[in-house]
Amino acid sequence: MTVLGDVAKVLRSKNSGPFEITLDVLFDSKDDYDRVKQSGCITKRTICDLYRVKEEQIHHLVFFDQALGFKVTISRDISSGSVGDRDVYGAQQHAPLMKLAIHQSEEG
């Protein structure tokens, strides 16, 4: 089984302002990027399940072919730095994506 953390060159998270977190996933090969994109594993439903958020909390899920990567932006439950916030910089939120199983697409 292949997991996203094994094929992504960069897998990171960061604040996108005080109310959002952005997840960036970049690949160093077009083959790996295409394989993940075409697998159908990266969907709003997948992000909802991994991050326990509602679909309306996903502001963007965009693939960038030229950059060999994709970006997901989700609403934070608590604004950065507020009481109860456990990750002020949003830098530890990429972990659920690391273990996401990437299945071969039905086409390939």
N, C-alpha and C. Protein backbone atom coordinates (compact mmCIF):
# COMPACT_ATOMS: atom_id res chain seq x y z
N MET A 1 0.84 -1.19 0.00
CA MET A 1 0.00 0.00 0.00
C MET A 1 0.88 1.24 0.00
N THR A 2 0.55 2.19 -0.86
CA THR A 2 1.26 3.45 -0.92
C THR A 2 0.46 4.50 -0.15
N VAL A 3 1.15 5.29 0.66
CA VAL A 3 0.50 6.39 1.37
C VAL A 3 1.06 7.71 0.85
N LEU A 4 0.27 8.76 0.99
CA LEU A 4 0.64 10.06 0.44
C LEU A 4 1.99 10.55 0.96
N GLY A 5 2.27 10.29 2.21
CA GLY A 5 3.55 10.72 2.79
C GLY A 5 4.76 10.08 2.12
N ASP A 6 4.57 8.94 1.47
CA ASP A 6 5.67 8.25 0.79
C ASP A 6 5.95 8.82 -0.60
N VAL A 7 4.97 9.44 -1.23
CA VAL A 7 5.16 9.92 -2.60
C VAL A 7 5.27 11.44 -2.71
N ALA A 8 4.80 12.16 -1.70
CA ALA A 8 4.88 13.62 -1.75
C ALA A 8 6.28 14.09 -1.36
N LYS A 9 6.81 15.04 -2.10
CA LYS A 9 8.10 15.64 -1.77
C LYS A 9 7.93 16.62 -0.61
N VAL A 10 6.84 17.39 -0.64
CA VAL A 10 6.52 18.35 0.41
C VAL A 10 5.09 18.10 0.85
N LEU A 11 4.88 17.98 2.15
CA LEU A 11 3.56 17.82 2.72
C LEU A 11 3.56 18.68 3.97
N ARG A 12 2.89 19.85 3.92
CA ARG A 12 2.99 20.80 5.03
C ARG A 12 1.66 21.49 5.25
N SER A 13 1.57 22.09 6.44
CA SER A 13 0.41 22.91 6.76
C SER A 13 0.89 24.22 7.35
N LYS A 14 0.03 25.23 7.25
CA LYS A 14 0.37 26.55 7.78
C LYS A 14 -0.90 27.37 7.89
N ASN A 15 -0.81 28.42 8.69
CA ASN A 15 -1.92 29.35 8.76
C ASN A 15 -2.11 30.04 7.43
N SER A 16 -3.35 30.29 7.13
CA SER A 16 -3.71 31.12 5.99
C SER A 16 -4.55 32.25 6.58
N GLY A 17 -3.92 33.02 7.44
CA GLY A 17 -4.62 34.01 8.26
C GLY A 17 -5.04 33.36 9.57
N PRO A 18 -5.65 34.11 10.47
CA PRO A 18 -5.97 33.57 11.80
C PRO A 18 -7.14 32.59 11.82
N PHE A 19 -7.90 32.52 10.72
CA PHE A 19 -9.12 31.71 10.72
C PHE A 19 -9.08 30.52 9.77
N GLU A 20 -7.96 30.30 9.08
CA GLU A 20 -7.86 29.21 8.12
C GLU A 20 -6.50 28.52 8.22
N ILE A 21 -6.50 27.26 7.79
CA ILE A 21 -5.27 26.49 7.66
C ILE A 21 -5.19 26.01 6.22
N THR A 22 -3.99 26.10 5.65
CA THR A 22 -3.76 25.62 4.30
C THR A 22 -2.84 24.41 4.35
N LEU A 23 -3.20 23.39 3.60
CA LEU A 23 -2.39 22.18 3.44
C LEU A 23 -1.80 22.22 2.04
N ASP A 24 -0.49 22.09 1.94
CA ASP A 24 0.20 22.09 0.65
C ASP A 24 0.83 20.72 0.44
N VAL A 25 0.61 20.16 -0.74
CA VAL A 25 1.23 18.88 -1.09
C VAL A 25 1.85 19.05 -2.47
N LEU A 26 3.17 18.83 -2.55
CA LEU A 26 3.92 18.99 -3.79
C LEU A 26 4.68 17.71 -4.11
N PHE A 27 4.87 17.46 -5.38
CA PHE A 27 5.54 16.25 -5.85
C PHE A 27 6.74 16.63 -6.69
N ASP A 28 7.75 15.78 -6.73
CA ASP A 28 8.92 16.07 -7.57
C ASP A 28 8.89 15.30 -8.87
N SER A 29 7.80 14.56 -9.11
CA SER A 29 7.68 13.87 -10.39
C SER A 29 6.25 13.98 -10.90
N LYS A 30 6.14 14.21 -12.19
CA LYS A 30 4.82 14.30 -12.81
C LYS A 30 4.08 12.97 -12.67
N ASP A 31 4.79 11.87 -12.73
CA ASP A 31 4.16 10.55 -12.59
C ASP A 31 3.49 10.40 -11.22
N ASP A 32 4.21 10.78 -10.15
CA ASP A 32 3.62 10.69 -8.81
C ASP A 32 2.42 11.62 -8.67
N TYR A 33 2.57 12.84 -9.15
CA TYR A 33 1.47 13.81 -9.09
C TYR A 33 0.26 13.28 -9.84
N ASP A 34 0.45 12.83 -11.07
CA ASP A 34 -0.67 12.32 -11.87
C ASP A 34 -1.32 11.12 -11.20
N ARG A 35 -0.51 10.25 -10.63
CA ARG A 35 -1.04 9.05 -9.96
C ARG A 35 -1.96 9.44 -8.82
N VAL A 36 -1.53 10.40 -8.01
CA VAL A 36 -2.35 10.83 -6.87
C VAL A 36 -3.59 11.56 -7.36
N LYS A 37 -3.42 12.46 -8.30
CA LYS A 37 -4.57 13.23 -8.81
C LYS A 37 -5.61 12.30 -9.43
N GLN A 38 -5.15 11.34 -10.24
CA GLN A 38 -6.07 10.45 -10.94
C GLN A 38 -6.65 9.35 -10.05
N SER A 39 -6.08 9.16 -8.87
CA SER A 39 -6.57 8.11 -7.97
C SER A 39 -7.98 8.40 -7.47
N GLY A 40 -8.34 9.68 -7.44
CA GLY A 40 -9.65 10.04 -6.90
C GLY A 40 -9.69 10.04 -5.39
N CYS A 41 -8.54 9.88 -4.75
CA CYS A 41 -8.48 9.82 -3.28
C CYS A 41 -8.53 11.20 -2.63
N ILE A 42 -8.21 12.24 -3.38
CA ILE A 42 -8.18 13.59 -2.82
C ILE A 42 -9.49 14.29 -3.20
N THR A 43 -10.42 14.26 -2.26
CA THR A 43 -11.74 14.86 -2.48
C THR A 43 -12.14 15.64 -1.23
N LYS A 44 -13.16 16.45 -1.37
CA LYS A 44 -13.68 17.15 -0.19
C LYS A 44 -14.14 16.16 0.87
N ARG A 45 -14.75 15.07 0.43
CA ARG A 45 -15.23 14.05 1.39
C ARG A 45 -14.05 13.47 2.17
N THR A 46 -12.96 13.18 1.48
CA THR A 46 -11.77 12.66 2.15
C THR A 46 -11.26 13.65 3.19
N ILE A 47 -11.18 14.92 2.82
CA ILE A 47 -10.71 15.95 3.75
C ILE A 47 -11.65 16.06 4.94
N CYS A 48 -12.95 16.01 4.68
CA CYS A 48 -13.93 16.05 5.78
C CYS A 48 -13.70 14.91 6.76
N ASP A 49 -13.50 13.73 6.22
CA ASP A 49 -13.29 12.55 7.07
C ASP A 49 -11.98 12.64 7.85
N LEU A 50 -10.90 13.04 7.19
CA LEU A 50 -9.60 13.11 7.86
C LEU A 50 -9.55 14.18 8.94
N TYR A 51 -10.18 15.32 8.67
CA TYR A 51 -10.06 16.47 9.56
C TYR A 51 -11.30 16.73 10.40
N ARG A 52 -12.29 15.87 10.24
CA ARG A 52 -13.53 15.99 11.01
C ARG A 52 -14.12 17.40 10.88
N VAL A 53 -14.24 17.83 9.63
CA VAL A 53 -14.84 19.13 9.33
C VAL A 53 -16.03 18.92 8.41
N LYS A 54 -16.87 19.93 8.35
CA LYS A 54 -18.01 19.90 7.43
C LYS A 54 -17.54 20.43 6.07
N GLU A 55 -18.23 20.01 5.03
CA GLU A 55 -17.81 20.40 3.69
C GLU A 55 -17.76 21.92 3.51
N GLU A 56 -18.64 22.64 4.16
CA GLU A 56 -18.63 24.10 4.03
C GLU A 56 -17.41 24.74 4.70
N GLN A 57 -16.67 23.98 5.50
CA GLN A 57 -15.44 24.48 6.10
C GLN A 57 -14.26 24.38 5.14
N ILE A 58 -14.43 23.68 4.04
CA ILE A 58 -13.38 23.58 3.03
C ILE A 58 -13.57 24.72 2.06
N HIS A 59 -12.66 25.67 2.09
CA HIS A 59 -12.77 26.85 1.24
C HIS A 59 -12.18 26.60 -0.14
N HIS A 60 -11.12 25.79 -0.21
CA HIS A 60 -10.47 25.50 -1.50
C HIS A 60 -9.92 24.08 -1.47
N LEU A 61 -10.05 23.41 -2.57
CA LEU A 61 -9.33 22.17 -2.85
C LEU A 61 -8.97 22.29 -4.33
N VAL A 62 -7.71 22.60 -4.59
CA VAL A 62 -7.29 22.94 -5.94
C VAL A 62 -6.04 22.17 -6.32
N PHE A 63 -6.06 21.55 -7.49
CA PHE A 63 -4.88 20.93 -8.06
C PHE A 63 -4.20 21.95 -8.98
N PHE A 64 -2.88 22.07 -8.88
CA PHE A 64 -2.10 22.96 -9.73
C PHE A 64 -1.16 22.11 -10.57
N ASP A 65 -1.55 21.83 -11.79
CA ASP A 65 -0.75 20.96 -12.65
C ASP A 65 0.65 21.52 -12.89
N GLN A 66 0.75 22.83 -13.08
CA GLN A 66 2.05 23.44 -13.38
C GLN A 66 3.02 23.29 -12.21
N ALA A 67 2.50 23.26 -10.99
CA ALA A 67 3.34 23.16 -9.79
C ALA A 67 3.46 21.72 -9.28
N LEU A 68 2.80 20.79 -9.94
CA LEU A 68 2.78 19.38 -9.50
C LEU A 68 2.35 19.28 -8.04
N GLY A 69 1.23 19.90 -7.73
CA GLY A 69 0.77 19.86 -6.35
C GLY A 69 -0.69 20.23 -6.21
N PHE A 70 -1.16 20.13 -4.97
CA PHE A 70 -2.51 20.57 -4.66
C PHE A 70 -2.52 21.28 -3.32
N LYS A 71 -3.57 22.07 -3.12
CA LYS A 71 -3.71 22.89 -1.93
C LYS A 71 -5.13 22.73 -1.41
N VAL A 72 -5.24 22.64 -0.09
CA VAL A 72 -6.54 22.58 0.57
C VAL A 72 -6.55 23.66 1.64
N THR A 73 -7.59 24.47 1.66
CA THR A 73 -7.73 25.48 2.71
C THR A 73 -9.02 25.21 3.46
N ILE A 74 -8.90 25.08 4.78
CA ILE A 74 -10.06 24.80 5.63
C ILE A 74 -10.15 25.83 6.75
N SER A 75 -11.37 26.04 7.22
CA SER A 75 -11.60 26.91 8.37
C SER A 75 -11.05 26.27 9.63
N ARG A 76 -10.46 27.09 10.47
CA ARG A 76 -10.05 26.63 11.80
C ARG A 76 -11.27 26.64 12.71
N ASP A 77 -11.34 25.69 13.64
CA ASP A 77 -12.42 25.70 14.63
C ASP A 77 -12.25 26.85 15.61
N ILE A 78 -11.00 27.18 15.91
CA ILE A 78 -10.65 28.24 16.86
C ILE A 78 -9.61 29.11 16.17
N SER A 79 -9.76 30.42 16.26
CA SER A 79 -8.78 31.28 15.60
C SER A 79 -7.40 31.11 16.22
N SER A 80 -6.40 31.30 15.40
CA SER A 80 -5.01 31.14 15.82
C SER A 80 -4.72 32.03 17.03
N GLY A 81 -4.17 31.43 18.08
CA GLY A 81 -3.77 32.16 19.27
C GLY A 81 -4.87 32.32 20.31
N SER A 82 -6.07 31.88 20.00
CA SER A 82 -7.16 31.97 20.97
C SER A 82 -6.99 30.93 22.07
N VAL A 83 -7.65 31.15 23.17
CA VAL A 83 -7.65 30.16 24.25
C VAL A 83 -8.18 28.85 23.68
N GLY A 84 -7.46 27.78 23.92
CA GLY A 84 -7.85 26.46 23.42
C GLY A 84 -7.17 26.08 22.11
N ASP A 85 -6.52 27.02 21.46
CA ASP A 85 -5.80 26.72 20.22
C ASP A 85 -4.55 25.93 20.57
N ARG A 86 -4.38 24.78 19.95
CA ARG A 86 -3.23 23.92 20.26
C ARG A 86 -2.12 23.98 19.22
N ASP A 87 -2.31 24.78 18.17
CA ASP A 87 -1.30 24.88 17.12
C ASP A 87 -1.36 26.28 16.51
N VAL A 88 -0.76 27.22 17.19
CA VAL A 88 -0.85 28.64 16.82
C VAL A 88 -0.47 28.87 15.36
N TYR A 89 0.55 28.20 14.86
CA TYR A 89 1.02 28.42 13.49
C TYR A 89 0.37 27.49 12.47
N GLY A 90 -0.42 26.54 12.93
CA GLY A 90 -1.06 25.60 12.01
C GLY A 90 -0.07 24.67 11.35
N ALA A 91 1.11 24.54 11.93
CA ALA A 91 2.21 23.81 11.30
C ALA A 91 2.19 22.30 11.55
N GLN A 92 1.26 21.82 12.34
CA GLN A 92 1.23 20.38 12.66
C GLN A 92 -0.03 19.71 12.14
N GLN A 93 -0.72 20.36 11.24
CA GLN A 93 -2.02 19.84 10.79
C GLN A 93 -1.95 18.97 9.54
N HIS A 94 -0.78 18.77 9.00
CA HIS A 94 -0.64 17.95 7.79
C HIS A 94 -0.62 16.45 8.09
N ALA A 95 -0.43 16.09 9.34
CA ALA A 95 -0.23 14.67 9.69
C ALA A 95 -1.33 13.73 9.18
N PRO A 96 -2.62 14.06 9.28
CA PRO A 96 -3.62 13.10 8.77
C PRO A 96 -3.45 12.76 7.30
N LEU A 97 -2.96 13.70 6.50
CA LEU A 97 -2.75 13.43 5.07
C LEU A 97 -1.60 12.45 4.83
N MET A 98 -0.62 12.44 5.73
CA MET A 98 0.56 11.60 5.53
C MET A 98 0.23 10.13 5.38
N LYS A 99 -0.77 9.66 6.09
CA LYS A 99 -1.12 8.24 6.10
C LYS A 99 -2.26 7.89 5.14
N LEU A 100 -2.69 8.86 4.35
CA LEU A 100 -3.79 8.61 3.42
C LEU A 100 -3.36 7.62 2.34
N ALA A 101 -4.08 6.51 2.24
CA ALA A 101 -3.77 5.48 1.24
C ALA A 101 -4.12 5.99 -0.15
N ILE A 102 -3.20 5.81 -1.07
CA ILE A 102 -3.41 6.20 -2.46
C ILE A 102 -3.64 4.93 -3.27
N HIS A 103 -4.83 4.81 -3.77
CA HIS A 103 -5.20 3.63 -4.55
C HIS A 103 -5.01 3.93 -6.03
N GLN A 104 -4.78 2.91 -6.78
CA GLN A 104 -4.65 3.08 -8.22
C GLN A 104 -6.01 3.43 -8.79
N SER A 105 -6.05 4.36 -9.73
CA SER A 105 -7.33 4.74 -10.35
C SER A 105 -7.87 3.55 -11.12
N GLU A 106 -9.16 3.59 -11.33
CA GLU A 106 -9.80 2.51 -12.10
C GLU A 106 -9.38 2.54 -13.56
N GLU A 107 -8.92 3.72 -14.03
CA GLU A 107 -8.47 3.84 -15.42
C GLU A 107 -7.10 3.21 -15.63
N GLY A 108 -6.23 3.29 -14.55
CA GLY A 108 -4.85 2.84 -14.76
C GLY A 108 -4.55 1.71 -13.98
